[in-house]
PDB file of N, CA and C in Angstrom:
ATOM      1  N   MET A   1     -46.478  97.624 -18.890  1.00  0.00           N
ATOM      2  CA  MET A   1     -45.829  96.722 -18.610  1.00  0.00           C
ATOM      3  C   MET A   1     -47.293  95.719 -17.978  1.00  0.00           C
ATOM      4  N   ALA A   2     -47.832  95.621 -18.723  1.00  0.00           N
ATOM      5  CA  ALA A   2     -48.915  94.912 -17.859  1.00  0.00           C
ATOM      6  C   ALA A   2     -49.746  94.236 -19.642  1.00  0.00           C
ATOM      7  N   THR A   3     -48.962  94.734 -20.421  1.00  0.00           N
ATOM      8  CA  THR A   3     -49.314  93.888 -22.221  1.00  0.00           C
ATOM      9  C   THR A   3     -48.043  93.292 -22.322  1.00  0.00           C
ATOM     10  N   GLN A   4     -47.122  93.763 -21.576  1.00  0.00           N
ATOM     11  CA  GLN A   4     -46.347  92.565 -21.943  1.00  0.00           C
ATOM     12  C   GLN A   4     -46.468  91.546 -20.722  1.00  0.00           C
ATOM     13  N   ASP A   5     -46.345  91.690 -19.589  1.00  0.00           N
ATOM     14  CA  ASP A   5     -47.152  90.507 -18.924  1.00  0.00           C
ATOM     15  C   ASP A   5     -48.385  89.510 -19.511  1.00  0.00           C
ATOM     16  N   LYS A   6     -48.871  89.867 -19.962  1.00  0.00           N
ATOM     17  CA  LYS A   6     -50.083  89.323 -20.970  1.00  0.00           C
ATOM     18  C   LYS A   6     -49.601  89.079 -22.109  1.00  0.00           C
ATOM     19  N   ALA A   7     -49.070  89.316 -22.742  1.00  0.00           N
ATOM     20  CA  ALA A   7     -48.011  88.357 -24.196  1.00  0.00           C
ATOM     21  C   ALA A   7     -46.912  87.405 -23.385  1.00  0.00           C
ATOM     22  N   PHE A   8     -46.565  87.681 -22.082  1.00  0.00           N
ATOM     23  CA  PHE A   8     -45.808  86.322 -21.837  1.00  0.00           C
ATOM     24  C   PHE A   8     -46.254  85.201 -20.833  1.00  0.00           C
ATOM     25  N   GLY A   9     -47.566  85.919 -20.304  1.00  0.00           N
ATOM     26  CA  GLY A   9     -48.720  84.444 -19.876  1.00  0.00           C
ATOM     27  C   GLY A   9     -48.756  83.761 -21.286  1.00  0.00           C
ATOM     28  N   PHE A  10     -49.475  84.517 -22.298  1.00  0.00           N
ATOM     29  CA  PHE A  10     -50.121  83.738 -23.937  1.00  0.00           C
ATOM     30  C   PHE A  10     -48.555  82.538 -24.221  1.00  0.00           C
ATOM     31  N   VAL A  11     -47.761  83.122 -24.413  1.00  0.00           N
ATOM     32  CA  VAL A  11     -46.757  83.041 -25.342  1.00  0.00           C
ATOM     33  C   VAL A  11     -46.118  81.540 -23.854  1.00  0.00           C
ATOM     34  N   LEU A  12     -46.214  81.495 -22.837  1.00  0.00           N
ATOM     35  CA  LEU A  12     -45.649  80.872 -22.036  1.00  0.00           C
ATOM     36  C   LEU A  12     -47.047  79.622 -22.183  1.00  0.00           C
ATOM     37  N   SER A  13     -48.150  79.739 -22.262  1.00  0.00           N
ATOM     38  CA  SER A  13     -48.910  78.960 -22.387  1.00  0.00           C
ATOM     39  C   SER A  13     -49.152  77.627 -24.185  1.00  0.00           C
ATOM     40  N   LEU A  14     -49.469  78.985 -24.435  1.00  0.00           N
ATOM     41  CA  LEU A  14     -48.327  78.856 -26.177  1.00  0.00           C
ATOM     42  C   LEU A  14     -47.756  77.706 -26.080  1.00  0.00           C
ATOM     43  N   ILE A  15     -46.429  77.846 -25.267  1.00  0.00           N
ATOM     44  CA  ILE A  15     -45.612  77.056 -25.735  1.00  0.00           C
ATOM     45  C   ILE A  15     -45.150  75.563 -24.825  1.00  0.00           C
ATOM     46  N   SER A  16     -45.915  76.148 -23.639  1.00  0.00           N
ATOM     47  CA  SER A  16     -46.797  74.437 -22.636  1.00  0.00           C
ATOM     48  C   SER A  16     -47.508  73.683 -23.957  1.00  0.00           C
ATOM     49  N   VAL A  17     -48.835  74.435 -24.625  1.00  0.00           N
ATOM     50  CA  VAL A  17     -49.688  73.211 -25.454  1.00  0.00           C
ATOM     51  C   VAL A  17     -49.082  72.801 -26.201  1.00  0.00           C
ATOM     52  N   LEU A  18     -47.797  73.132 -27.120  1.00  0.00           N
ATOM     53  CA  LEU A  18     -46.726  72.727 -28.310  1.00  0.00           C
ATOM     54  C   LEU A  18     -46.582  71.691 -27.966  1.00  0.00           C
ATOM     55  N   ILE A  19     -45.592  71.761 -26.540  1.00  0.00           N
ATOM     56  CA  ILE A  19     -44.597  71.064 -26.147  1.00  0.00           C
ATOM     57  C   ILE A  19     -45.536  69.457 -25.848  1.00  0.00           C
ATOM     58  N   ILE A  20     -46.504  69.841 -25.422  1.00  0.00           N
ATOM     59  CA  ILE A  20     -47.915  68.349 -25.019  1.00  0.00           C
ATOM     60  C   ILE A  20     -48.005  68.105 -26.428  1.00  0.00           C
ATOM     61  N   VAL A  21     -48.154  68.986 -26.977  1.00  0.00           N
ATOM     62  CA  VAL A  21     -48.730  67.903 -28.812  1.00  0.00           C
ATOM     63  C   VAL A  21     -47.074  66.872 -29.519  1.00  0.00           C
ATOM     64  N   ALA A  22     -46.538  67.909 -29.152  1.00  0.00           N
ATOM     65  CA  ALA A  22     -45.417  67.440 -29.828  1.00  0.00           C
ATOM     66  C   ALA A  22     -44.453  65.861 -29.589  1.00  0.00           C
ATOM     67  N   TRP A  23     -44.637  66.193 -27.874  1.00  0.00           N
ATOM     68  CA  TRP A  23     -44.331  65.138 -26.835  1.00  0.00           C
ATOM     69  C   TRP A  23     -45.020  63.770 -27.195  1.00  0.00           C
ATOM     70  N   ILE A  24     -46.521  64.116 -27.360  1.00  0.00           N
ATOM     71  CA  ILE A  24     -47.204  62.867 -27.712  1.00  0.00           C
ATOM     72  C   ILE A  24     -47.212  62.317 -29.569  1.00  0.00           C
ATOM     73  N   TYR A  25     -47.255  63.137 -29.813  1.00  0.00           N
ATOM     74  CA  TYR A  25     -46.508  62.447 -31.625  1.00  0.00           C
ATOM     75  C   TYR A  25     -45.852  62.158 -31.875  1.00  0.00           C
ATOM     76  N   VAL A  26     -44.400  62.018 -30.845  1.00  0.00           N
ATOM     77  CA  VAL A  26     -43.014  61.917 -30.986  1.00  0.00           C
ATOM     78  C   VAL A  26     -42.790  60.384 -30.682  1.00  0.00           C
ATOM     79  N   MET A  27     -44.142  60.183 -29.016  1.00  0.00           N
ATOM     80  CA  MET A  27     -43.749  58.931 -28.137  1.00  0.00           C
ATOM     81  C   MET A  27     -44.783  58.562 -28.599  1.00  0.00           C
ATOM     82  N   TRP A  28     -45.854  58.379 -29.279  1.00  0.00           N
ATOM     83  CA  TRP A  28     -47.016  57.655 -29.943  1.00  0.00           C
ATOM     84  C   TRP A  28     -46.994  57.672 -31.147  1.00  0.00           C
ATOM     85  N   GLY A  29     -46.729  58.896 -32.308  1.00  0.00           N
ATOM     86  CA  GLY A  29     -47.344  58.542 -33.180  1.00  0.00           C
ATOM     87  C   GLY A  29     -46.241  58.505 -34.229  1.00  0.00           C
ATOM     88  N   THR A  30     -44.907  58.102 -33.753  1.00  0.00           N
ATOM     89  CA  THR A  30     -44.399  57.189 -34.849  1.00  0.00           C
ATOM     90  C   THR A  30     -44.151  56.243 -34.649  1.00  0.00           C
ATOM     91  N   PRO A  31     -43.364  55.514 -35.704  1.00  0.00           N
ATOM     92  CA  PRO A  31     -43.566  53.780 -34.714  1.00  0.00           C
ATOM     93  C   PRO A  31     -42.710  53.730 -34.132  1.00  0.00           C
ATOM     94  N   PRO A  32     -42.726  52.511 -33.040  1.00  0.00           N
ATOM     95  CA  PRO A  32     -41.580  52.166 -31.573  1.00  0.00           C
ATOM     96  C   PRO A  32     -40.530  51.857 -32.275  1.00  0.00           C
ATOM     97  N   ILE A  33     -39.283  52.217 -32.197  1.00  0.00           N
ATOM     98  CA  ILE A  33     -38.004  51.757 -32.136  1.00  0.00           C
ATOM     99  C   ILE A  33     -37.852  50.592 -31.480  1.00  0.00           C
ATOM    100  N   ILE A  34     -38.129  50.101 -30.289  1.00  0.00           N
ATOM    101  CA  ILE A  34     -37.879  49.523 -29.518  1.00  0.00           C
ATOM    102  C   ILE A  34     -39.325  48.758 -29.280  1.00  0.00           C
ATOM    103  N   ASN A  35     -39.674  47.190 -29.324  1.00  0.00           N
ATOM    104  CA  ASN A  35     -40.750  46.740 -29.104  1.00  0.00           C
ATOM    105  C   ASN A  35     -40.470  46.092 -27.350  1.00  0.00           C
ATOM    106  N   ASP A  36     -40.700  46.783 -26.636  1.00  0.00           N
ATOM    107  CA  ASP A  36     -40.835  46.235 -25.031  1.00  0.00           C
ATOM    108  C   ASP A  36     -42.102  46.622 -24.116  1.00  0.00           C
ATOM    109  N   LEU A  37     -41.511  45.701 -23.316  1.00  0.00           N
ATOM    110  CA  LEU A  37     -42.953  45.572 -22.611  1.00  0.00           C
ATOM    111  C   LEU A  37     -42.492  46.971 -21.252  1.00  0.00           C
ATOM    112  N   GLN A  38     -41.434  47.101 -20.930  1.00  0.00           N
ATOM    113  CA  GLN A  38     -40.460  48.015 -19.618  1.00  0.00           C
ATOM    114  C   GLN A  38     -40.206  49.342 -20.535  1.00  0.00           C
ATOM    115  N   PHE A  39     -39.968  49.485 -22.012  1.00  0.00           N
ATOM    116  CA  PHE A  39     -39.729  50.537 -22.798  1.00  0.00           C
ATOM    117  C   PHE A  39     -41.586  51.399 -22.692  1.00  0.00           C
ATOM    118  N   LEU A  40     -42.142  50.647 -23.502  1.00  0.00           N
ATOM    119  CA  LEU A  40     -44.096  50.999 -22.996  1.00  0.00           C
ATOM    120  C   LEU A  40     -44.448  51.713 -22.015  1.00  0.00           C
ATOM    121  N   ALA A  41     -43.613  50.962 -20.264  1.00  0.00           N
ATOM    122  CA  ALA A  41     -44.101  51.638 -19.033  1.00  0.00           C
ATOM    123  C   ALA A  41     -43.261  52.771 -18.943  1.00  0.00           C
ATOM    124  N   MET A  42     -42.130  52.860 -19.233  1.00  0.00           N
ATOM    125  CA  MET A  42     -41.632  54.440 -19.851  1.00  0.00           C
ATOM    126  C   MET A  42     -41.821  55.575 -19.795  1.00  0.00           C
ATOM    127  N   LYS A  43     -42.819  54.849 -21.435  1.00  0.00           N
ATOM    128  CA  LYS A  43     -43.335  55.900 -22.400  1.00  0.00           C
ATOM    129  C   LYS A  43     -44.788  56.537 -21.878  1.00  0.00           C
ATOM    130  N   ILE A  44     -45.430  55.861 -20.950  1.00  0.00           N
ATOM    131  CA  ILE A  44     -46.581  56.080 -20.156  1.00  0.00           C
ATOM    132  C   ILE A  44     -46.271  56.988 -19.250  1.00  0.00           C
ATOM    133  N   PHE A  45     -45.185  56.350 -18.249  1.00  0.00           N
ATOM    134  CA  PHE A  45     -45.106  56.889 -17.219  1.00  0.00           C
ATOM    135  C   PHE A  45     -44.382  58.907 -17.480  1.00  0.00           C
ATOM    136  N   THR A  46     -43.600  58.627 -18.436  1.00  0.00           N
ATOM    137  CA  THR A  46     -42.980  59.515 -19.030  1.00  0.00           C
ATOM    138  C   THR A  46     -44.197  60.985 -19.562  1.00  0.00           C
ATOM    139  N   THR A  47     -45.256  60.053 -20.384  1.00  0.00           N
ATOM    140  CA  THR A  47     -45.932  60.870 -20.837  1.00  0.00           C
ATOM    141  C   THR A  47     -46.567  61.809 -19.745  1.00  0.00           C
ATOM    142  N   VAL A  48     -47.391  60.733 -19.270  1.00  0.00           N
ATOM    143  CA  VAL A  48     -48.338  61.403 -17.418  1.00  0.00           C
ATOM    144  C   VAL A  48     -47.431  62.714 -16.803  1.00  0.00           C
ATOM    145  N   LEU A  49     -46.005  62.322 -16.415  1.00  0.00           N
ATOM    146  CA  LEU A  49     -45.545  62.884 -15.915  1.00  0.00           C
ATOM    147  C   LEU A  49     -45.207  64.248 -16.500  1.00  0.00           C
ATOM    148  N   LEU A  50     -44.704  64.325 -18.247  1.00  0.00           N
ATOM    149  CA  LEU A  50     -44.435  65.365 -18.556  1.00  0.00           C
ATOM    150  C   LEU A  50     -45.681  66.541 -19.017  1.00  0.00           C
ATOM    151  N   VAL A  51     -47.018  65.981 -19.074  1.00  0.00           N
ATOM    152  CA  VAL A  51     -48.505  66.471 -19.423  1.00  0.00           C
ATOM    153  C   VAL A  51     -48.876  66.876 -17.883  1.00  0.00           C
ATOM    154  N   THR A  52     -48.731  66.359 -16.612  1.00  0.00           N
ATOM    155  CA  THR A  52     -48.718  67.124 -15.878  1.00  0.00           C
ATOM    156  C   THR A  52     -48.094  68.010 -15.643  1.00  0.00           C
ATOM    157  N   VAL A  53     -46.927  68.133 -15.661  1.00  0.00           N
ATOM    158  CA  VAL A  53     -45.993  69.350 -15.792  1.00  0.00           C
ATOM    159  C   VAL A  53     -46.494  70.687 -16.533  1.00  0.00           C
ATOM    160  N   MET A  54     -46.391  70.275 -17.935  1.00  0.00           N
ATOM    161  CA  MET A  54     -47.315  70.843 -18.841  1.00  0.00           C
ATOM    162  C   MET A  54     -48.644  71.829 -18.791  1.00  0.00           C
ATOM    163  N   LEU A  55     -49.095  71.298 -17.682  1.00  0.00           N
ATOM    164  CA  LEU A  55     -50.002  70.977 -17.704  1.00  0.00           C
ATOM    165  C   LEU A  55     -50.669  72.241 -16.640  1.00  0.00           C
ATOM    166  N   ILE A  56     -49.650  72.188 -15.262  1.00  0.00           N
ATOM    167  CA  ILE A  56     -49.735  73.481 -14.315  1.00  0.00           C
ATOM    168  C   ILE A  56     -48.554  74.521 -15.191  1.00  0.00           C
ATOM    169  N   VAL A  57     -47.687  74.457 -16.150  1.00  0.00           N
ATOM    170  CA  VAL A  57     -46.707  75.368 -16.728  1.00  0.00           C
ATOM    171  C   VAL A  57     -48.455  76.385 -17.480  1.00  0.00           C
ATOM    172  N   LEU A  58     -49.205  75.475 -18.116  1.00  0.00           N
ATOM    173  CA  LEU A  58     -50.527  75.741 -18.745  1.00  0.00           C
ATOM    174  C   LEU A  58     -51.008  76.982 -18.357  1.00  0.00           C
ATOM    175  N   TRP A  59     -51.879  76.592 -17.139  1.00  0.00           N
ATOM    176  CA  TRP A  59     -52.341  76.828 -16.370  1.00  0.00           C
ATOM    177  C   TRP A  59     -52.288  78.845 -15.493  1.00  0.00           C
ATOM    178  N   VAL A  60     -50.435  77.907 -14.966  1.00  0.00           N
ATOM    179  CA  VAL A  60     -49.452  79.443 -14.261  1.00  0.00           C
ATOM    180  C   VAL A  60     -49.550  80.286 -15.723  1.00  0.00           C
ATOM    181  N   GLY A  61     -49.756  79.948 -17.077  1.00  0.00           N
ATOM    182  CA  GLY A  61     -49.214  81.036 -18.239  1.00  0.00           C
ATOM    183  C   GLY A  61     -51.034  81.583 -18.077  1.00  0.00           C
ATOM    184  N   TYR A  62     -52.160  80.562 -18.117  1.00  0.00           N
ATOM    185  CA  TYR A  62     -53.420  81.755 -18.348  1.00  0.00           C
ATOM    186  C   TYR A  62     -53.506  82.355 -17.344  1.00  0.00           C
ATOM    187  N   THR A  63     -53.062  81.810 -15.874  1.00  0.00           N
ATOM    188  CA  THR A  63     -53.353  82.785 -14.922  1.00  0.00           C
ATOM    189  C   THR A  63     -52.558  84.245 -15.302  1.00  0.00           C
ATOM    190  N   ILE A  64     -51.361  84.507 -15.563  1.00  0.00           N
ATOM    191  CA  ILE A  64     -50.807  85.248 -16.155  1.00  0.00           C
ATOM    192  C   ILE A  64     -51.751  86.309 -16.723  1.00  0.00           C
ATOM    193  N   ALA A  65     -51.644  85.686 -18.132  1.00  0.00           N
ATOM    194  CA  ALA A  65     -52.433  86.044 -19.188  1.00  0.00           C
ATOM    195  C   ALA A  65     -53.522  87.148 -18.568  1.00  0.00           C
ATOM    196  N   THR A  66     -54.079  86.324 -17.888  1.00  0.00           N
ATOM    197  CA  THR A  66     -55.673  86.975 -17.398  1.00  0.00           C
ATOM    198  C   THR A  66     -56.062  87.744 -16.239  1.00  0.00           C
ATOM    199  N   THR A  67     -55.061  87.862 -15.663  1.00  0.00           N
ATOM    200  CA  THR A  67     -54.909  88.659 -14.156  1.00  0.00           C
ATOM    201  C   THR A  67     -54.702  89.751 -14.790  1.00  0.00           C
ATOM    202  N   PRO A  68     -55.973  90.585 -13.864  1.00  0.00           N
ATOM    203  CA  PRO A  68     -55.365  92.119 -14.175  1.00  0.00           C
ATOM    204  C   PRO A  68     -54.244  93.019 -13.639  1.00  0.00           C
ATOM    205  N   SER A  69     -53.831  93.821 -14.148  1.00  0.00           N
ATOM    206  CA  SER A  69     -52.668  94.955 -14.308  1.00  0.00           C
ATOM    207  C   SER A  69     -52.729  95.405 -12.327  1.00  0.00           C
ATOM    208  N   ILE A  70     -51.442  95.750 -11.553  1.00  0.00           N
ATOM    209  CA  ILE A  70     -51.828  96.833 -10.854  1.00  0.00           C
ATOM    210  C   ILE A  70     -52.566  98.035 -11.306  1.00  0.00           C
ATOM    211  N   GLU A  71     -52.155  98.415 -12.413  1.00  0.00           N
ATOM    212  CA  GLU A  71     -52.553 100.112 -12.415  1.00  0.00           C
ATOM    213  C   GLU A  71     -54.687  99.709 -12.842  1.00  0.00           C
ATOM    214  N   GLU A  72     -54.591  98.135 -13.845  1.00  0.00           N
ATOM    215  CA  GLU A  72     -55.861  98.373 -13.843  1.00  0.00           C
ATOM    216  C   GLU A  72     -56.322  98.481 -12.180  1.00  0.00           C
ATOM    217  N   ILE A  73     -56.067  97.646 -11.656  1.00  0.00           N
ATOM    218  CA  ILE A  73     -57.416  97.088 -10.196  1.00  0.00           C
ATOM    219  C   ILE A  73     -56.806  98.209  -9.173  1.00  0.00           C
ATOM    220  N   GLU A  74     -56.044  98.984  -9.360  1.00  0.00           N
ATOM    221  CA  GLU A  74     -55.745 100.824  -8.594  1.00  0.00           C
ATOM    222  C   GLU A  74     -56.904 101.568  -9.298  1.00  0.00           C
ATOM    223  N   ALA A  75     -57.305 101.792 -10.968  1.00  0.00           N
ATOM    224  CA  ALA A  75     -58.187 102.542 -11.106  1.00  0.00           C
ATOM    225  C   ALA A  75     -59.219 101.858 -10.872  1.00  0.00           C
ATOM    226  N   GLN A  76     -59.814 100.987 -10.705  1.00  0.00           N
ATOM    227  CA  GLN A  76     -60.977 100.578 -10.033  1.00  0.00           C
ATOM    228  C   GLN A  76     -60.916 100.795  -8.458  1.00  0.00           C
ATOM    229  N   ILE A  77     -60.024 100.455  -8.314  1.00  0.00           N
ATOM    230  CA  ILE A  77     -60.481 101.076  -6.243  1.00  0.00           C
ATOM    231  C   ILE A  77     -60.675 102.916  -6.641  1.00  0.00           C
ATOM    232  N   ARG A  78     -60.223 103.521  -7.487  1.00  0.00           N
ATOM    233  CA  ARG A  78     -59.991 104.572  -7.712  1.00  0.00           C
ATOM    234  C   ARG A  78     -61.762 105.020  -8.413  1.00  0.00           C
ATOM    235  N   LYS A  79     -62.574 104.260  -8.518  1.00  0.00           N
ATOM    236  CA  LYS A  79     -63.531 104.341  -9.052  1.00  0.00           C
ATOM    237  C   LYS A  79     -64.479 104.128  -8.089  1.00  0.00           C
ATOM    238  N   ARG A  80     -64.245 103.434  -7.204  1.00  0.00           N
ATOM    239  CA  ARG A  80     -65.470 103.127  -6.485  1.00  0.00           C
ATOM    240  C   ARG A  80     -65.034 103.521  -5.038  1.00  0.00           C
ATOM    241  N   LYS A  81     -63.817 104.775  -4.827  1.00  0.00           N
ATOM    242  CA  LYS A  81     -64.147 105.060  -3.913  1.00  0.00           C
ATOM    243  C   LYS A  81     -64.783 107.015  -3.773  1.00  0.00           C
ATOM    244  N   ARG A  82     -65.012 106.649  -5.701  1.00  0.00           N
ATOM    245  CA  ARG A  82     -65.642 108.042  -6.084  1.00  0.00           C
ATOM    246  C   ARG A  82     -67.462 108.000  -5.695  1.00  0.00           C
TER     247      ARG A  82
END
């Protein structure tokens, strides 16, 4: 079960990074369809919002991937009691 949790955290982190890269490429790396100042403001706002949310998801995935499982913690506690 612990390896599934670690794999899930890794996949969550990876997907978050891929979404950030894809979003920035699509919004800023392709030629603009509409050259309008209001559209530019909307691109900036949505990029900041999406990157912020995806960084939080990345943090959660990293935390899930690197936190020891309950079995590992219990084994460490048993070692310390001996």
